[in-house]
């Protein structure tokens, strides 16, 4: 998105969620998801900030663009990293801004009424919304939420909404089984034969 749309006076502060959760494939840096960047300092901040990879320079979580979300939605505080996505968007939603609510903290955040209100608001407005759960070194499995949740949002059935969100999130967790590795300078899925070899070796 255009950096001119960043919320005025809103900064990342002490949040380093993107330094951990993102997959990075850059000539200067290759990093697996859910793994702290080797340049992330113990005190916080980037050890190579001035020369950091282009990916790091250009990427922002959606909290930086969403003025209706207050400071409590900063990823490290909320435990939710909101990403804009461009793939796997269902037919009829292609021209809308697509959002993935990636749970990077406690799963219980999905039952927080503020989380539900924000998510429901975007779904009602027709924005395609997904949910996923971040597991270190694993592929991210997203689930499309609009059609699953809209009937219960419209009927204001909070109890069922929470049950549906719990069910969907658990399916994300169970589906995120494919391990990611770095091979030949790129992030890829670990071949099944390689996984079997490591298992037999007790690794």
C-alpha atoms as a PDB file:
ATOM      1  CA  UNK A   1       0.000   0.000   0.000  1.00  0.00           C
ATOM      2  CA  UNK A   2       0.989   3.605  -0.492  1.00  0.00           C
ATOM      3  CA  UNK A   3       3.086   4.766   2.459  1.00  0.00           C
ATOM      4  CA  UNK A   4       1.185   8.047   2.317  1.00  0.00           C
ATOM      5  CA  UNK A   5      -1.756   6.132   3.810  1.00  0.00           C
ATOM      6  CA  UNK A   6       0.139   5.263   6.993  1.00  0.00           C
ATOM      7  CA  UNK A   7      -1.628   6.529  10.105  1.00  0.00           C
ATOM      8  CA  UNK A   8      -0.055   9.819  11.110  1.00  0.00           C
ATOM      9  CA  UNK A   9       2.177   9.705  14.208  1.00  0.00           C
ATOM     10  CA  UNK A  10       1.772   5.927  14.543  1.00  0.00           C
ATOM     11  CA  UNK A  11       5.054   4.052  14.887  1.00  0.00           C
ATOM     12  CA  UNK A  12       6.086   0.426  15.432  1.00  0.00           C
ATOM     13  CA  UNK A  13       7.661   1.358  18.759  1.00  0.00           C
ATOM     14  CA  UNK A  14       8.964  -1.696  20.601  1.00  0.00           C
ATOM     15  CA  UNK A  15       6.989  -4.121  18.438  1.00  0.00           C
ATOM     16  CA  UNK A  16       9.195  -6.579  16.543  1.00  0.00           C
ATOM     17  CA  UNK A  17       6.480  -9.009  15.396  1.00  0.00           C
ATOM     18  CA  UNK A  18       7.427  -8.709  11.725  1.00  0.00           C
ATOM     19  CA  UNK A  19      11.072  -9.458  12.622  1.00  0.00           C
ATOM     20  CA  UNK A  20       9.893 -12.839  13.872  1.00  0.00           C
ATOM     21  CA  UNK A  21       6.789 -13.878  11.966  1.00  0.00           C
ATOM     22  CA  UNK A  22       7.571 -12.958   8.368  1.00  0.00           C
ATOM     23  CA  UNK A  23       9.074 -15.201   5.732  1.00  0.00           C
ATOM     24  CA  UNK A  24      11.902 -13.261   4.117  1.00  0.00           C
ATOM     25  CA  UNK A  25      13.550 -14.177   0.830  1.00  0.00           C
ATOM     26  CA  UNK A  26      15.877 -11.366  -0.045  1.00  0.00           C
ATOM     27  CA  UNK A  27      19.387 -11.342  -1.517  1.00  0.00           C
ATOM     28  CA  UNK A  28      20.547  -9.933   1.810  1.00  0.00           C
ATOM     29  CA  UNK A  29      18.509 -12.171   4.118  1.00  0.00           C
ATOM     30  CA  UNK A  30      16.582 -15.450   4.037  1.00  0.00           C
ATOM     31  CA  UNK A  31      14.458 -16.230   7.105  1.00  0.00           C
ATOM     32  CA  UNK A  32      11.879 -18.826   8.119  1.00  0.00           C
ATOM     33  CA  UNK A  33       8.498 -17.850   9.605  1.00  0.00           C
ATOM     34  CA  UNK A  34       8.268 -17.723  13.383  1.00  0.00           C
ATOM     35  CA  UNK A  35      12.036 -17.439  13.792  1.00  0.00           C
ATOM     36  CA  UNK A  36      13.708 -14.353  15.212  1.00  0.00           C
ATOM     37  CA  UNK A  37      15.784 -12.533  12.649  1.00  0.00           C
ATOM     38  CA  UNK A  38      19.483 -12.897  13.362  1.00  0.00           C
ATOM     39  CA  UNK A  39      19.780  -9.110  13.233  1.00  0.00           C
ATOM     40  CA  UNK A  40      17.141  -8.519  15.914  1.00  0.00           C
ATOM     41  CA  UNK A  41      18.942  -7.097  18.939  1.00  0.00           C
ATOM     42  CA  UNK A  42      18.187  -8.315  22.465  1.00  0.00           C
ATOM     43  CA  UNK A  43      17.287  -4.775  23.441  1.00  0.00           C
ATOM     44  CA  UNK A  44      14.956  -4.559  20.439  1.00  0.00           C
ATOM     45  CA  UNK A  45      15.494  -2.926  17.100  1.00  0.00           C
ATOM     46  CA  UNK A  46      17.399  -3.968  14.028  1.00  0.00           C
ATOM     47  CA  UNK A  47      21.166  -4.331  14.101  1.00  0.00           C
ATOM     48  CA  UNK A  48      21.411  -3.430  10.406  1.00  0.00           C
ATOM     49  CA  UNK A  49      18.562  -0.926  10.239  1.00  0.00           C
ATOM     50  CA  UNK A  50      20.269   1.452   7.820  1.00  0.00           C
ATOM     51  CA  UNK A  51      21.139  -1.358   5.384  1.00  0.00           C
ATOM     52  CA  UNK A  52      18.236  -3.738   6.112  1.00  0.00           C
ATOM     53  CA  UNK A  53      16.766  -5.721   3.179  1.00  0.00           C
ATOM     54  CA  UNK A  54      14.250  -4.100   0.875  1.00  0.00           C
ATOM     55  CA  UNK A  55      11.520  -6.419   2.167  1.00  0.00           C
ATOM     56  CA  UNK A  56      12.005  -5.041   5.667  1.00  0.00           C
ATOM     57  CA  UNK A  57      12.064  -1.467   4.426  1.00  0.00           C
ATOM     58  CA  UNK A  58       8.822  -1.724   2.475  1.00  0.00           C
ATOM     59  CA  UNK A  59       6.639  -4.055   4.560  1.00  0.00           C
ATOM     60  CA  UNK A  60       4.163  -2.766   7.151  1.00  0.00           C
ATOM     61  CA  UNK A  61       1.486  -4.603   9.085  1.00  0.00           C
ATOM     62  CA  UNK A  62      -2.026  -3.321   8.470  1.00  0.00           C
ATOM     63  CA  UNK A  63      -2.264  -1.796  11.960  1.00  0.00           C
ATOM     64  CA  UNK A  64      -0.051   0.971  10.601  1.00  0.00           C
ATOM     65  CA  UNK A  65      -2.731   1.740   7.977  1.00  0.00           C
ATOM     66  CA  UNK A  66      -5.941   1.316  10.013  1.00  0.00           C
ATOM     67  CA  UNK A  67      -6.814   4.481  11.959  1.00  0.00           C
ATOM     68  CA  UNK A  68      -9.869   2.907  13.599  1.00  0.00           C
ATOM     69  CA  UNK A  69      -7.650   0.448  15.470  1.00  0.00           C
ATOM     70  CA  UNK A  70      -6.215   1.905  18.667  1.00  0.00           C
ATOM     71  CA  UNK A  71      -2.808   1.309  20.261  1.00  0.00           C
ATOM     72  CA  UNK A  72      -3.992  -1.919  21.868  1.00  0.00           C
ATOM     73  CA  UNK A  73      -3.990  -3.443  18.358  1.00  0.00           C
ATOM     74  CA  UNK A  74      -0.231  -3.128  17.994  1.00  0.00           C
ATOM     75  CA  UNK A  75       0.732  -6.726  17.082  1.00  0.00           C
ATOM     76  CA  UNK A  76       2.956  -7.423  20.081  1.00  0.00           C
ATOM     77  CA  UNK A  77       0.232  -6.201  22.444  1.00  0.00           C
ATOM     78  CA  UNK A  78      -2.842  -7.695  20.769  1.00  0.00           C
ATOM     79  CA  UNK A  79      -1.185 -10.933  19.718  1.00  0.00           C
ATOM     80  CA  UNK A  80      -2.638 -10.456  16.226  1.00  0.00           C
ATOM     81  CA  UNK A  81      -0.637  -9.556  13.139  1.00  0.00           C
ATOM     82  CA  UNK A  82      -2.954  -8.214  10.439  1.00  0.00           C
ATOM     83  CA  UNK A  83      -1.553  -8.743   6.954  1.00  0.00           C
ATOM     84  CA  UNK A  84      -2.798  -7.683   3.568  1.00  0.00           C
ATOM     85  CA  UNK A  85      -2.919 -10.703   1.268  1.00  0.00           C
ATOM     86  CA  UNK A  86      -3.171 -11.083  -2.495  1.00  0.00           C
ATOM     87  CA  UNK A  87      -3.656 -14.828  -2.989  1.00  0.00           C
ATOM     88  CA  UNK A  88      -6.434 -17.375  -2.443  1.00  0.00           C
ATOM     89  CA  UNK A  89      -9.104 -14.676  -2.502  1.00  0.00           C
ATOM     90  CA  UNK A  90     -12.521 -16.194  -3.335  1.00  0.00           C
ATOM     91  CA  UNK A  91     -14.444 -15.206  -6.452  1.00  0.00           C
ATOM     92  CA  UNK A  92     -16.445 -12.045  -5.989  1.00  0.00           C
ATOM     93  CA  UNK A  93     -13.988 -10.551  -3.503  1.00  0.00           C
ATOM     94  CA  UNK A  94     -11.022  -9.941  -5.787  1.00  0.00           C
ATOM     95  CA  UNK A  95     -11.363  -6.159  -5.928  1.00  0.00           C
ATOM     96  CA  UNK A  96     -11.592  -5.755  -2.154  1.00  0.00           C
ATOM     97  CA  UNK A  97      -8.770  -5.289   0.328  1.00  0.00           C
ATOM     98  CA  UNK A  98      -8.119  -8.779   1.769  1.00  0.00           C
ATOM     99  CA  UNK A  99      -7.013  -9.160   5.369  1.00  0.00           C
ATOM    100  CA  UNK A 100      -5.475 -12.073   7.237  1.00  0.00           C
ATOM    101  CA  UNK A 101      -5.779 -11.941  11.027  1.00  0.00           C
ATOM    102  CA  UNK A 102      -2.741 -14.005  11.984  1.00  0.00           C
ATOM    103  CA  UNK A 103      -2.806 -15.086  15.632  1.00  0.00           C
ATOM    104  CA  UNK A 104       0.725 -14.760  16.995  1.00  0.00           C
ATOM    105  CA  UNK A 105      -0.121 -14.657  20.705  1.00  0.00           C
ATOM    106  CA  UNK A 106      -2.707 -16.339  22.905  1.00  0.00           C
ATOM    107  CA  UNK A 107      -5.509 -18.129  21.075  1.00  0.00           C
ATOM    108  CA  UNK A 108      -8.010 -16.701  23.563  1.00  0.00           C
ATOM    109  CA  UNK A 109      -7.782 -13.325  21.792  1.00  0.00           C
ATOM    110  CA  UNK A 110     -10.386 -14.550  19.303  1.00  0.00           C
ATOM    111  CA  UNK A 111     -12.981 -14.471  22.101  1.00  0.00           C
ATOM    112  CA  UNK A 112     -12.138 -10.892  22.994  1.00  0.00           C
ATOM    113  CA  UNK A 113     -15.198  -8.782  22.185  1.00  0.00           C
ATOM    114  CA  UNK A 114     -13.029  -6.050  20.658  1.00  0.00           C
ATOM    115  CA  UNK A 115     -11.422  -8.587  18.299  1.00  0.00           C
ATOM    116  CA  UNK A 116     -14.851  -9.916  17.312  1.00  0.00           C
ATOM    117  CA  UNK A 117     -16.272  -6.424  16.732  1.00  0.00           C
ATOM    118  CA  UNK A 118     -13.384  -5.388  14.487  1.00  0.00           C
ATOM    119  CA  UNK A 119     -13.411  -8.631  12.502  1.00  0.00           C
ATOM    120  CA  UNK A 120     -17.194  -8.538  12.168  1.00  0.00           C
ATOM    121  CA  UNK A 121     -17.076  -4.929  11.005  1.00  0.00           C
ATOM    122  CA  UNK A 122     -14.788  -5.718   8.098  1.00  0.00           C
ATOM    123  CA  UNK A 123     -16.789  -8.814   7.145  1.00  0.00           C
ATOM    124  CA  UNK A 124     -20.071  -6.871   7.136  1.00  0.00           C
ATOM    125  CA  UNK A 125     -18.459  -4.267   4.870  1.00  0.00           C
ATOM    126  CA  UNK A 126     -17.586  -7.032   2.418  1.00  0.00           C
ATOM    127  CA  UNK A 127     -13.840  -7.167   2.945  1.00  0.00           C
ATOM    128  CA  UNK A 128     -12.532 -10.740   2.545  1.00  0.00           C
ATOM    129  CA  UNK A 129     -11.162 -11.781   5.937  1.00  0.00           C
ATOM    130  CA  UNK A 130      -9.052 -14.793   6.844  1.00  0.00           C
ATOM    131  CA  UNK A 131      -7.647 -16.192  10.054  1.00  0.00           C
ATOM    132  CA  UNK A 132      -4.456 -18.170  10.597  1.00  0.00           C
ATOM    133  CA  UNK A 133      -2.248 -19.325  13.429  1.00  0.00           C
ATOM    134  CA  UNK A 134       1.490 -18.744  13.413  1.00  0.00           C
ATOM    135  CA  UNK A 135       3.581 -21.851  14.100  1.00  0.00           C
ATOM    136  CA  UNK A 136       7.384 -21.553  13.916  1.00  0.00           C
ATOM    137  CA  UNK A 137       8.914 -22.970  10.741  1.00  0.00           C
ATOM    138  CA  UNK A 138       5.535 -24.178   9.455  1.00  0.00           C
ATOM    139  CA  UNK A 139       3.441 -23.263   6.427  1.00  0.00           C
ATOM    140  CA  UNK A 140       0.652 -20.856   7.251  1.00  0.00           C
ATOM    141  CA  UNK A 141      -2.854 -22.237   6.757  1.00  0.00           C
ATOM    142  CA  UNK A 142      -5.484 -19.542   6.262  1.00  0.00           C
ATOM    143  CA  UNK A 143      -9.242 -20.049   6.490  1.00  0.00           C
ATOM    144  CA  UNK A 144     -11.720 -17.724   4.773  1.00  0.00           C
ATOM    145  CA  UNK A 145     -14.205 -16.413   7.340  1.00  0.00           C
ATOM    146  CA  UNK A 146     -16.869 -14.313   5.626  1.00  0.00           C
ATOM    147  CA  UNK A 147     -19.357 -16.985   4.634  1.00  0.00           C
ATOM    148  CA  UNK A 148     -18.745 -19.001   7.807  1.00  0.00           C
ATOM    149  CA  UNK A 149     -19.405 -16.098  10.162  1.00  0.00           C
ATOM    150  CA  UNK A 150     -21.708 -13.627   8.399  1.00  0.00           C
ATOM    151  CA  UNK A 151     -25.015 -15.319   9.372  1.00  0.00           C
ATOM    152  CA  UNK A 152     -24.058 -15.264  13.060  1.00  0.00           C
ATOM    153  CA  UNK A 153     -22.742 -11.709  12.842  1.00  0.00           C
ATOM    154  CA  UNK A 154     -26.047 -10.565  11.371  1.00  0.00           C
ATOM    155  CA  UNK A 155     -28.019 -12.399  14.066  1.00  0.00           C
ATOM    156  CA  UNK A 156     -25.607 -11.062  16.729  1.00  0.00           C
ATOM    157  CA  UNK A 157     -25.129 -14.566  18.104  1.00  0.00           C
ATOM    158  CA  UNK A 158     -21.873 -13.995  19.987  1.00  0.00           C
ATOM    159  CA  UNK A 159     -21.869 -17.446  21.568  1.00  0.00           C
ATOM    160  CA  UNK A 160     -21.948 -19.266  18.230  1.00  0.00           C
ATOM    161  CA  UNK A 161     -19.486 -16.774  16.746  1.00  0.00           C
ATOM    162  CA  UNK A 162     -16.964 -17.674  19.434  1.00  0.00           C
ATOM    163  CA  UNK A 163     -17.574 -21.382  18.870  1.00  0.00           C
ATOM    164  CA  UNK A 164     -17.083 -21.017  15.110  1.00  0.00           C
ATOM    165  CA  UNK A 165     -13.894 -18.995  15.562  1.00  0.00           C
ATOM    166  CA  UNK A 166     -12.499 -21.598  17.968  1.00  0.00           C
ATOM    167  CA  UNK A 167     -13.290 -24.411  15.540  1.00  0.00           C
ATOM    168  CA  UNK A 168     -11.741 -22.582  12.591  1.00  0.00           C
ATOM    169  CA  UNK A 169      -8.609 -21.646  14.518  1.00  0.00           C
ATOM    170  CA  UNK A 170      -8.078 -25.222  15.667  1.00  0.00           C
ATOM    171  CA  UNK A 171      -8.350 -26.388  12.060  1.00  0.00           C
ATOM    172  CA  UNK A 172      -5.602 -23.868  11.192  1.00  0.00           C
ATOM    173  CA  UNK A 173      -3.379 -25.253  13.940  1.00  0.00           C
ATOM    174  CA  UNK A 174      -3.927 -28.867  12.887  1.00  0.00           C
ATOM    175  CA  UNK A 175      -3.336 -28.083   9.222  1.00  0.00           C
ATOM    176  CA  UNK A 176      -0.062 -26.229   9.773  1.00  0.00           C
ATOM    177  CA  UNK A 177       2.043 -29.379   9.670  1.00  0.00           C
ATOM    178  CA  UNK A 178       4.327 -28.785   6.697  1.00  0.00           C
ATOM    179  CA  UNK A 179       7.765 -27.808   7.903  1.00  0.00           C
ATOM    180  CA  UNK A 180       9.698 -25.084   6.115  1.00  0.00           C
ATOM    181  CA  UNK A 181      13.438 -25.183   5.493  1.00  0.00           C
ATOM    182  CA  UNK A 182      16.035 -23.008   3.820  1.00  0.00           C
ATOM    183  CA  UNK A 183      17.526 -24.705   0.792  1.00  0.00           C
ATOM    184  CA  UNK A 184      19.742 -23.141  -1.847  1.00  0.00           C
ATOM    185  CA  UNK A 185      19.074 -19.716  -0.403  1.00  0.00           C
ATOM    186  CA  UNK A 186      15.292 -20.054  -0.605  1.00  0.00           C
ATOM    187  CA  UNK A 187      12.479 -20.965   1.778  1.00  0.00           C
ATOM    188  CA  UNK A 188      10.730 -24.168   0.760  1.00  0.00           C
ATOM    189  CA  UNK A 189       8.716 -27.035   2.162  1.00  0.00           C
ATOM    190  CA  UNK A 190      10.683 -29.911   3.643  1.00  0.00           C
ATOM    191  CA  UNK A 191      10.340 -32.980   1.382  1.00  0.00           C
ATOM    192  CA  UNK A 192       8.577 -35.958   2.975  1.00  0.00           C
ATOM    193  CA  UNK A 193      11.589 -38.202   2.403  1.00  0.00           C
ATOM    194  CA  UNK A 194      13.788 -35.715   4.244  1.00  0.00           C
ATOM    195  CA  UNK A 195      11.353 -35.636   7.157  1.00  0.00           C
ATOM    196  CA  UNK A 196      11.376 -39.439   7.388  1.00  0.00           C
ATOM    197  CA  UNK A 197      15.174 -39.459   7.394  1.00  0.00           C
ATOM    198  CA  UNK A 198      15.328 -36.970  10.268  1.00  0.00           C
ATOM    199  CA  UNK A 199      12.721 -38.890  12.235  1.00  0.00           C
ATOM    200  CA  UNK A 200      14.656 -42.124  11.947  1.00  0.00           C
ATOM    201  CA  UNK A 201      17.761 -40.338  13.095  1.00  0.00           C
ATOM    202  CA  UNK A 202      15.884 -39.099  16.136  1.00  0.00           C
ATOM    203  CA  UNK A 203      16.209 -35.454  15.101  1.00  0.00           C
END
